[in-house]
């Protein structure tokens, strides 16, 4: 039988330079998460399938990410699955650790899995970057989740996006204001606007509402926040508060009353970072009814997340230009001085510089350094080892200098 040894569809290898760019982005993301006071946690990739199911009734249908989860069994025939996000795991975490100090601010960067159709910037295994604040019901927590992502994007030099916000209470009240009763079904259809377009969504909505209800609902969805405030729609005050707090961060947000966010567990403010091409690259919101469901009490929570793959896919040109430090930064070419090369490499590494050793002939070693874009080469022969004066070559300019050990380490560290 012929064995297919290719990469499984929807999964991907990452090699330099892309792998190095991904590592750099993860480093920047983690740095800003920590600066905002979020602490790193880790959770298992595999969970019980029962935990991974949504809170919706079977008749209402599961969220797409939930229905597309990978399912498996272990030797004990237990029904398990690969995590499709991090948020649902927090409910289990709080049941098993009831004494966690609130507010609990956590971040995770790790792999999640969805058996879904493949599209630009989305594979079936992708790296999710996620922050959540549990135990703080204020709009300040919502704004903080938005602000940390804005700072990450600033460092990545990404500017062309718009932050759109809505409130689930507001959206529900808009739907109910035209006497539509199947609210969740209508929300699920509205969530397909970007994918299917207005005309097809309007057709699908006829299963749950009549033509006049649909027309009136879409007219209301075009209203501004002032209208909803004046007519006392629930959720409008929370959006107004969010706008004010975001102003304190120097962040401008736009209210979009028709925005859904896919997961049905959202309860209040929701937010998305949208590109000029109307693609959502980052999203999150408040989910106050989920975390405490196993401990018998309400625990407010809000979070935001994005995947490295979506971010890099939607801003491909930006990341193509990204400058990264070559690994290794220096290569020692040993001219029959292997033990001395090992000792010198150890000193360079202890200074914080990545360093490799090549024991082959200089021609082969230089060819290797060029292929990896290694910026510095150190030649170490018998004379250099004896005098502790090393020939340092700048591979970009071709310039060579004879330097002592201290100067060598200093130059490489710049």
Foldseek 3Di string as FASTA:
>chain_A
DDDDPDDDALDDDDDPPRVQLLVVLVVLLVVLLVVLPAAEDDDDQKDQLVLLFDPDDVVLDGFQQSVQWAWDADPVRGIMTGAQDCVSVLLVVCVVVVPDDPQHKHWYWAWGAGNDDDDFLGGRIFIKTKIKTKFDQALLRVLSQVLSVVVSCVVLVDDFWAKEKEWPQLLQQLLCVLVFDSSSNLLQLLQCCVPPNDVVSLVVCVVGDPPVSSVSSVVVQPDALVVCVVVVRPQSVSVVVNQVSNVVSVDHHHYRHSHRPRHPQAHTMKMFIAGPVRDTFKIWHKRQQRNNPSVPDTMTMIMMMGTPSSVCRVPVVSSVPDDGQFAQQEEEEEPPPVVLVVVLCVVLVVLVGHYYYDDDDPVVVLVVCVVRVRQKYWYDYPVCSVVQWIWIAGNVVRDTDTHHSVVVSVVSVD
